[in-house]
C-alpha atoms as a PDB file:
ATOM      1  CA  UNK A   1      38.686 -12.783  30.969  1.00  0.00           C
ATOM      2  CA  UNK A   2      37.665 -11.616  27.006  1.00  0.00           C
ATOM      3  CA  UNK A   3      33.996 -11.237  27.838  1.00  0.00           C
ATOM      4  CA  UNK A   4      34.683  -9.310  30.455  1.00  0.00           C
ATOM      5  CA  UNK A   5      37.468  -6.903  28.981  1.00  0.00           C
ATOM      6  CA  UNK A   6      35.489  -6.610  26.280  1.00  0.00           C
ATOM      7  CA  UNK A   7      32.120  -6.724  27.623  1.00  0.00           C
ATOM      8  CA  UNK A   8      32.280  -4.787  31.585  1.00  0.00           C
ATOM      9  CA  UNK A   9      33.614  -1.853  32.386  1.00  0.00           C
ATOM     10  CA  UNK A  10      34.399  -1.180  36.391  1.00  0.00           C
ATOM     11  CA  UNK A  11      35.721   2.374  38.221  1.00  0.00           C
ATOM     12  CA  UNK A  12      39.294   2.785  38.105  1.00  0.00           C
ATOM     13  CA  UNK A  13      40.332   3.274  42.004  1.00  0.00           C
ATOM     14  CA  UNK A  14      43.267   5.463  40.875  1.00  0.00           C
ATOM     15  CA  UNK A  15      41.214   8.179  38.147  1.00  0.00           C
ATOM     16  CA  UNK A  16      37.555   7.489  38.857  1.00  0.00           C
ATOM     17  CA  UNK A  17      36.895   6.806  35.393  1.00  0.00           C
ATOM     18  CA  UNK A  18      34.990   3.559  34.077  1.00  0.00           C
ATOM     19  CA  UNK A  19      37.425   1.496  32.344  1.00  0.00           C
ATOM     20  CA  UNK A  20      37.665  -2.175  30.888  1.00  0.00           C
ATOM     21  CA  UNK A  21      37.056  -4.793  33.559  1.00  0.00           C
ATOM     22  CA  UNK A  22      40.626  -6.490  33.040  1.00  0.00           C
ATOM     23  CA  UNK A  23      41.063  -9.412  35.415  1.00  0.00           C
ATOM     24  CA  UNK A  24      44.225  -9.476  38.137  1.00  0.00           C
ATOM     25  CA  UNK A  25      45.723 -12.114  38.876  1.00  0.00           C
ATOM     26  CA  UNK A  26      43.679 -12.913  41.861  1.00  0.00           C
ATOM     27  CA  UNK A  27      40.703 -12.810  39.552  1.00  0.00           C
ATOM     28  CA  UNK A  28      42.288 -15.146  37.015  1.00  0.00           C
ATOM     29  CA  UNK A  29      43.002 -17.914  39.996  1.00  0.00           C
ATOM     30  CA  UNK A  30      39.616 -17.614  41.133  1.00  0.00           C
ATOM     31  CA  UNK A  31      38.271 -17.476  37.715  1.00  0.00           C
ATOM     32  CA  UNK A  32      39.709 -20.734  36.887  1.00  0.00           C
ATOM     33  CA  UNK A  33      38.363 -22.533  39.853  1.00  0.00           C
ATOM     34  CA  UNK A  34      34.620 -21.362  39.098  1.00  0.00           C
ATOM     35  CA  UNK A  35      35.208 -22.763  35.030  1.00  0.00           C
ATOM     36  CA  UNK A  36      36.406 -25.608  36.401  1.00  0.00           C
ATOM     37  CA  UNK A  37      33.352 -26.578  38.107  1.00  0.00           C
ATOM     38  CA  UNK A  38      30.937 -24.867  35.221  1.00  0.00           C
ATOM     39  CA  UNK A  39      32.866 -26.909  32.277  1.00  0.00           C
ATOM     40  CA  UNK A  40      32.812 -29.826  34.224  1.00  0.00           C
ATOM     41  CA  UNK A  41      28.801 -29.617  34.503  1.00  0.00           C
ATOM     42  CA  UNK A  42      28.574 -29.696  38.630  1.00  0.00           C
ATOM     43  CA  UNK A  43      27.320 -27.061  40.813  1.00  0.00           C
ATOM     44  CA  UNK A  44      29.677 -23.987  41.774  1.00  0.00           C
ATOM     45  CA  UNK A  45      30.236 -24.222  44.953  1.00  0.00           C
ATOM     46  CA  UNK A  46      33.529 -22.451  46.863  1.00  0.00           C
ATOM     47  CA  UNK A  47      34.283 -21.006  49.863  1.00  0.00           C
ATOM     48  CA  UNK A  48      36.919 -18.239  49.340  1.00  0.00           C
ATOM     49  CA  UNK A  49      39.165 -17.239  52.160  1.00  0.00           C
ATOM     50  CA  UNK A  50      40.617 -13.559  50.854  1.00  0.00           C
ATOM     51  CA  UNK A  51      43.113 -10.757  51.514  1.00  0.00           C
ATOM     52  CA  UNK A  52      41.596  -7.391  50.865  1.00  0.00           C
ATOM     53  CA  UNK A  53      41.560  -5.099  48.005  1.00  0.00           C
ATOM     54  CA  UNK A  54      42.110  -7.192  44.995  1.00  0.00           C
ATOM     55  CA  UNK A  55      38.394  -7.209  43.778  1.00  0.00           C
ATOM     56  CA  UNK A  56      37.231 -10.431  45.026  1.00  0.00           C
ATOM     57  CA  UNK A  57      33.429  -8.917  45.627  1.00  0.00           C
ATOM     58  CA  UNK A  58      33.621  -7.518  42.491  1.00  0.00           C
ATOM     59  CA  UNK A  59      34.440 -10.349  40.850  1.00  0.00           C
ATOM     60  CA  UNK A  60      32.314 -12.858  42.321  1.00  0.00           C
ATOM     61  CA  UNK A  61      29.222 -10.360  41.042  1.00  0.00           C
ATOM     62  CA  UNK A  62      30.223  -9.878  38.080  1.00  0.00           C
ATOM     63  CA  UNK A  63      30.990 -13.639  36.987  1.00  0.00           C
ATOM     64  CA  UNK A  64      27.606 -14.334  38.142  1.00  0.00           C
ATOM     65  CA  UNK A  65      26.190 -11.376  35.999  1.00  0.00           C
ATOM     66  CA  UNK A  66      28.148 -12.630  32.696  1.00  0.00           C
ATOM     67  CA  UNK A  67      26.043 -16.147  33.242  1.00  0.00           C
ATOM     68  CA  UNK A  68      22.781 -13.916  33.749  1.00  0.00           C
ATOM     69  CA  UNK A  69      23.589 -11.905  31.229  1.00  0.00           C
ATOM     70  CA  UNK A  70      25.170 -14.230  28.727  1.00  0.00           C
ATOM     71  CA  UNK A  71      24.086 -17.937  29.760  1.00  0.00           C
ATOM     72  CA  UNK A  72      20.826 -18.198  31.408  1.00  0.00           C
ATOM     73  CA  UNK A  73      17.516 -16.476  32.049  1.00  0.00           C
ATOM     74  CA  UNK A  74      15.118 -17.309  34.827  1.00  0.00           C
ATOM     75  CA  UNK A  75      18.660 -17.414  36.645  1.00  0.00           C
ATOM     76  CA  UNK A  76      17.873 -15.636  40.305  1.00  0.00           C
ATOM     77  CA  UNK A  77      20.122 -14.309  42.621  1.00  0.00           C
ATOM     78  CA  UNK A  78      20.785 -12.977  46.133  1.00  0.00           C
ATOM     79  CA  UNK A  79      23.248 -10.878  47.412  1.00  0.00           C
ATOM     80  CA  UNK A  80      24.007 -11.276  50.719  1.00  0.00           C
ATOM     81  CA  UNK A  81      26.026  -9.414  53.110  1.00  0.00           C
ATOM     82  CA  UNK A  82      26.655  -8.122  57.007  1.00  0.00           C
ATOM     83  CA  UNK A  83      24.134  -4.871  56.488  1.00  0.00           C
ATOM     84  CA  UNK A  84      21.901  -4.273  53.327  1.00  0.00           C
ATOM     85  CA  UNK A  85      23.708  -1.191  52.443  1.00  0.00           C
ATOM     86  CA  UNK A  86      26.740  -3.494  51.826  1.00  0.00           C
ATOM     87  CA  UNK A  87      24.713  -5.421  49.697  1.00  0.00           C
ATOM     88  CA  UNK A  88      23.269  -2.356  48.108  1.00  0.00           C
ATOM     89  CA  UNK A  89      27.264  -1.209  47.274  1.00  0.00           C
ATOM     90  CA  UNK A  90      27.758  -4.666  45.456  1.00  0.00           C
ATOM     91  CA  UNK A  91      24.899  -4.507  43.737  1.00  0.00           C
ATOM     92  CA  UNK A  92      25.681  -0.805  42.415  1.00  0.00           C
ATOM     93  CA  UNK A  93      28.646  -2.200  40.841  1.00  0.00           C
ATOM     94  CA  UNK A  94      26.674  -4.241  39.033  1.00  0.00           C
ATOM     95  CA  UNK A  95      24.481  -1.436  38.028  1.00  0.00           C
ATOM     96  CA  UNK A  96      27.284   0.591  36.568  1.00  0.00           C
ATOM     97  CA  UNK A  97      28.670  -2.383  34.515  1.00  0.00           C
ATOM     98  CA  UNK A  98      24.869  -2.635  32.867  1.00  0.00           C
ATOM     99  CA  UNK A  99      24.779   1.286  31.788  1.00  0.00           C
ATOM    100  CA  UNK A 100      28.318   0.895  30.381  1.00  0.00           C
ATOM    101  CA  UNK A 101      26.965  -2.689  28.676  1.00  0.00           C
ATOM    102  CA  UNK A 102      27.169  -3.039  25.022  1.00  0.00           C
ATOM    103  CA  UNK A 103      23.668  -3.080  25.091  1.00  0.00           C
ATOM    104  CA  UNK A 104      22.867  -3.252  21.167  1.00  0.00           C
ATOM    105  CA  UNK A 105      23.649  -7.198  21.728  1.00  0.00           C
ATOM    106  CA  UNK A 106      20.284  -7.331  23.168  1.00  0.00           C
ATOM    107  CA  UNK A 107      19.151  -5.151  20.560  1.00  0.00           C
ATOM    108  CA  UNK A 108      18.321  -2.527  22.422  1.00  0.00           C
ATOM    109  CA  UNK A 109      19.987   1.618  23.397  1.00  0.00           C
ATOM    110  CA  UNK A 110      20.073   0.584  26.813  1.00  0.00           C
ATOM    111  CA  UNK A 111      20.053  -1.807  29.234  1.00  0.00           C
ATOM    112  CA  UNK A 112      19.052  -0.590  33.490  1.00  0.00           C
ATOM    113  CA  UNK A 113      17.943  -2.178  36.579  1.00  0.00           C
ATOM    114  CA  UNK A 114      13.960  -1.848  37.364  1.00  0.00           C
ATOM    115  CA  UNK A 115      12.324  -2.864  40.527  1.00  0.00           C
ATOM    116  CA  UNK A 116      10.516  -6.635  40.544  1.00  0.00           C
ATOM    117  CA  UNK A 117       7.441  -6.128  41.298  1.00  0.00           C
ATOM    118  CA  UNK A 118       7.466  -3.407  43.087  1.00  0.00           C
ATOM    119  CA  UNK A 119      10.204  -4.237  45.273  1.00  0.00           C
ATOM    120  CA  UNK A 120      12.849  -1.833  46.604  1.00  0.00           C
ATOM    121  CA  UNK A 121      15.060  -5.703  47.046  1.00  0.00           C
ATOM    122  CA  UNK A 122      14.551  -7.167  44.111  1.00  0.00           C
ATOM    123  CA  UNK A 123      16.065  -5.657  40.111  1.00  0.00           C
ATOM    124  CA  UNK A 124      15.008  -7.217  36.807  1.00  0.00           C
ATOM    125  CA  UNK A 125      17.160  -6.233  33.604  1.00  0.00           C
ATOM    126  CA  UNK A 126      15.448  -4.096  31.646  1.00  0.00           C
ATOM    127  CA  UNK A 127      15.850  -1.589  28.283  1.00  0.00           C
ATOM    128  CA  UNK A 128      15.829   2.398  28.452  1.00  0.00           C
ATOM    129  CA  UNK A 129      11.484   1.743  28.011  1.00  0.00           C
ATOM    130  CA  UNK A 130      11.028  -0.847  31.238  1.00  0.00           C
ATOM    131  CA  UNK A 131      11.207  -3.849  28.887  1.00  0.00           C
ATOM    132  CA  UNK A 132      11.788  -6.877  30.248  1.00  0.00           C
ATOM    133  CA  UNK A 133      15.479  -7.617  28.521  1.00  0.00           C
ATOM    134  CA  UNK A 134      16.734 -10.702  31.037  1.00  0.00           C
ATOM    135  CA  UNK A 135      14.675 -12.718  32.863  1.00  0.00           C
ATOM    136  CA  UNK A 136      16.726 -12.774  35.601  1.00  0.00           C
ATOM    137  CA  UNK A 137      16.006 -10.899  39.333  1.00  0.00           C
ATOM    138  CA  UNK A 138      18.655  -9.600  41.300  1.00  0.00           C
ATOM    139  CA  UNK A 139      17.970  -9.613  44.707  1.00  0.00           C
ATOM    140  CA  UNK A 140      20.209  -7.451  47.785  1.00  0.00           C
ATOM    141  CA  UNK A 141      19.691  -8.586  51.259  1.00  0.00           C
ATOM    142  CA  UNK A 142      21.049  -8.342  54.780  1.00  0.00           C
ATOM    143  CA  UNK A 143      22.203 -10.978  57.373  1.00  0.00           C
ATOM    144  CA  UNK A 144      20.556  -8.796  59.874  1.00  0.00           C
ATOM    145  CA  UNK A 145      17.194  -9.170  58.240  1.00  0.00           C
ATOM    146  CA  UNK A 146      17.406 -11.786  55.323  1.00  0.00           C
ATOM    147  CA  UNK A 147      13.443 -12.209  55.763  1.00  0.00           C
ATOM    148  CA  UNK A 148      13.329 -10.075  52.596  1.00  0.00           C
ATOM    149  CA  UNK A 149      15.074 -13.240  50.446  1.00  0.00           C
ATOM    150  CA  UNK A 150      12.917 -16.038  51.714  1.00  0.00           C
ATOM    151  CA  UNK A 151      10.558 -17.676  48.828  1.00  0.00           C
ATOM    152  CA  UNK A 152      12.452 -16.688  45.856  1.00  0.00           C
ATOM    153  CA  UNK A 153      13.879 -19.130  43.807  1.00  0.00           C
ATOM    154  CA  UNK A 154      16.837 -18.399  43.590  1.00  0.00           C
ATOM    155  CA  UNK A 155      20.136 -20.714  42.292  1.00  0.00           C
ATOM    156  CA  UNK A 156      22.604 -18.494  42.560  1.00  0.00           C
ATOM    157  CA  UNK A 157      23.768 -16.959  45.842  1.00  0.00           C
ATOM    158  CA  UNK A 158      27.202 -14.611  46.789  1.00  0.00           C
ATOM    159  CA  UNK A 159      27.610 -14.511  50.686  1.00  0.00           C
ATOM    160  CA  UNK A 160      30.218 -11.685  51.734  1.00  0.00           C
ATOM    161  CA  UNK A 161      32.277 -11.193  54.667  1.00  0.00           C
ATOM    162  CA  UNK A 162      30.435 -14.235  56.375  1.00  0.00           C
ATOM    163  CA  UNK A 163      33.566 -14.618  59.104  1.00  0.00           C
ATOM    164  CA  UNK A 164      31.744 -10.974  60.334  1.00  0.00           C
ATOM    165  CA  UNK A 165      27.554 -12.483  60.162  1.00  0.00           C
ATOM    166  CA  UNK A 166      27.790 -12.338  64.449  1.00  0.00           C
ATOM    167  CA  UNK A 167      25.411 -14.971  66.273  1.00  0.00           C
ATOM    168  CA  UNK A 168      22.168 -13.060  67.822  1.00  0.00           C
ATOM    169  CA  UNK A 169      19.157 -15.633  69.671  1.00  0.00           C
ATOM    170  CA  UNK A 170      17.323 -15.043  66.624  1.00  0.00           C
ATOM    171  CA  UNK A 171      19.879 -16.221  63.945  1.00  0.00           C
ATOM    172  CA  UNK A 172      23.617 -17.719  63.437  1.00  0.00           C
ATOM    173  CA  UNK A 173      25.646 -17.931  59.885  1.00  0.00           C
ATOM    174  CA  UNK A 174      24.696 -21.459  59.730  1.00  0.00           C
ATOM    175  CA  UNK A 175      21.096 -21.094  59.792  1.00  0.00           C
ATOM    176  CA  UNK A 176      21.044 -18.016  56.803  1.00  0.00           C
ATOM    177  CA  UNK A 177      23.151 -19.208  54.738  1.00  0.00           C
ATOM    178  CA  UNK A 178      21.334 -23.184  54.707  1.00  0.00           C
ATOM    179  CA  UNK A 179      17.973 -21.329  54.929  1.00  0.00           C
ATOM    180  CA  UNK A 180      18.746 -19.378  51.536  1.00  0.00           C
ATOM    181  CA  UNK A 181      21.411 -22.304  50.183  1.00  0.00           C
ATOM    182  CA  UNK A 182      18.905 -25.023  51.001  1.00  0.00           C
ATOM    183  CA  UNK A 183      16.212 -24.272  47.784  1.00  0.00           C
ATOM    184  CA  UNK A 184      19.272 -24.114  45.753  1.00  0.00           C
ATOM    185  CA  UNK A 185      19.215 -27.358  43.116  1.00  0.00           C
ATOM    186  CA  UNK A 186      22.054 -29.036  43.284  1.00  0.00           C
ATOM    187  CA  UNK A 187      22.312 -28.719  39.224  1.00  0.00           C
ATOM    188  CA  UNK A 188      24.678 -27.114  36.801  1.00  0.00           C
ATOM    189  CA  UNK A 189      25.272 -23.419  36.660  1.00  0.00           C
ATOM    190  CA  UNK A 190      23.783 -23.056  40.086  1.00  0.00           C
ATOM    191  CA  UNK A 191      26.692 -20.984  42.547  1.00  0.00           C
ATOM    192  CA  UNK A 192      27.258 -20.353  46.011  1.00  0.00           C
ATOM    193  CA  UNK A 193      29.835 -18.518  46.693  1.00  0.00           C
ATOM    194  CA  UNK A 194      30.797 -17.437  50.288  1.00  0.00           C
ATOM    195  CA  UNK A 195      33.566 -15.635  51.168  1.00  0.00           C
ATOM    196  CA  UNK A 196      35.326 -13.553  53.915  1.00  0.00           C
ATOM    197  CA  UNK A 197      38.610 -11.977  54.953  1.00  0.00           C
ATOM    198  CA  UNK A 198      39.718 -13.465  58.048  1.00  0.00           C
ATOM    199  CA  UNK A 199      38.080 -12.988  61.186  1.00  0.00           C
ATOM    200  CA  UNK A 200      40.062 -15.572  63.978  1.00  0.00           C
ATOM    201  CA  UNK A 201      40.060 -19.023  64.191  1.00  0.00           C
ATOM    202  CA  UNK A 202      36.422 -19.682  65.221  1.00  0.00           C
ATOM    203  CA  UNK A 203      32.966 -19.580  64.217  1.00  0.00           C
ATOM    204  CA  UNK A 204      30.791 -20.483  61.198  1.00  0.00           C
ATOM    205  CA  UNK A 205      33.557 -19.516  57.864  1.00  0.00           C
ATOM    206  CA  UNK A 206      35.900 -20.883  59.629  1.00  0.00           C
ATOM    207  CA  UNK A 207      34.651 -24.294  60.392  1.00  0.00           C
ATOM    208  CA  UNK A 208      33.244 -24.631  56.998  1.00  0.00           C
ATOM    209  CA  UNK A 209      36.998 -23.154  55.344  1.00  0.00           C
ATOM    210  CA  UNK A 210      38.575 -26.114  57.411  1.00  0.00           C
ATOM    211  CA  UNK A 211      36.177 -28.686  56.035  1.00  0.00           C
ATOM    212  CA  UNK A 212      35.960 -27.519  52.695  1.00  0.00           C
ATOM    213  CA  UNK A 213      40.258 -27.217  52.591  1.00  0.00           C
ATOM    214  CA  UNK A 214      40.062 -31.242  54.088  1.00  0.00           C
ATOM    215  CA  UNK A 215      38.017 -32.048  51.342  1.00  0.00           C
ATOM    216  CA  UNK A 216      35.369 -33.452  53.291  1.00  0.00           C
ATOM    217  CA  UNK A 217      33.002 -30.772  51.869  1.00  0.00           C
ATOM    218  CA  UNK A 218      30.386 -29.811  48.941  1.00  0.00           C
ATOM    219  CA  UNK A 219      32.538 -26.546  48.748  1.00  0.00           C
ATOM    220  CA  UNK A 220      35.692 -26.399  46.934  1.00  0.00           C
ATOM    221  CA  UNK A 221      38.341 -24.240  49.713  1.00  0.00           C
ATOM    222  CA  UNK A 222      40.195 -21.250  47.575  1.00  0.00           C
ATOM    223  CA  UNK A 223      42.064 -19.286  49.073  1.00  0.00           C
ATOM    224  CA  UNK A 224      43.718 -15.331  48.009  1.00  0.00           C
ATOM    225  CA  UNK A 225      46.584 -14.756  50.180  1.00  0.00           C
END
């Protein structure tokens, strides 16, 4: 909580100003579950059933950002949402946080995203001149067109609003998550968070949450009402 408040700033919904990221009760609840796994030295695997408007997606992304900025390099991440615009909005929040980050920690005057190998979907963290600061790639992709996320060596994945990923003749939520997650090694500091608001009592997300709730899944069930 101290690191988030000290280093990260987010946009206040009331004033529109950038303010220190003070974790609310729901975010602290999720933080406890994430940190239990991290400190135990086990892979972080969570399926999160959540209410709206408490900053769940924001917190998941900034927890991953904290790991990329402070703890690990070569730790690539992917944000996968129903549409690419949604994934970009999650990443845009990360971008704003990066711009307000105390960059002197890294001995530079400014932090920013820059395209990785000319890709519009992949970014790296550089200084103002474009010099690499942290060797971590951040990828945005959509369920509708997840092919752009294939082939990257990911260590962290954030799957957003999975209950709304509707199956098509060519893909399903299960196939997409398996395809991305299959390349993430089951080692400490790797992360997979599958989150969604509720959308009926059927479908892949519902089934995965029920399995986790019963304790017969590699994922931990977390419910934020």
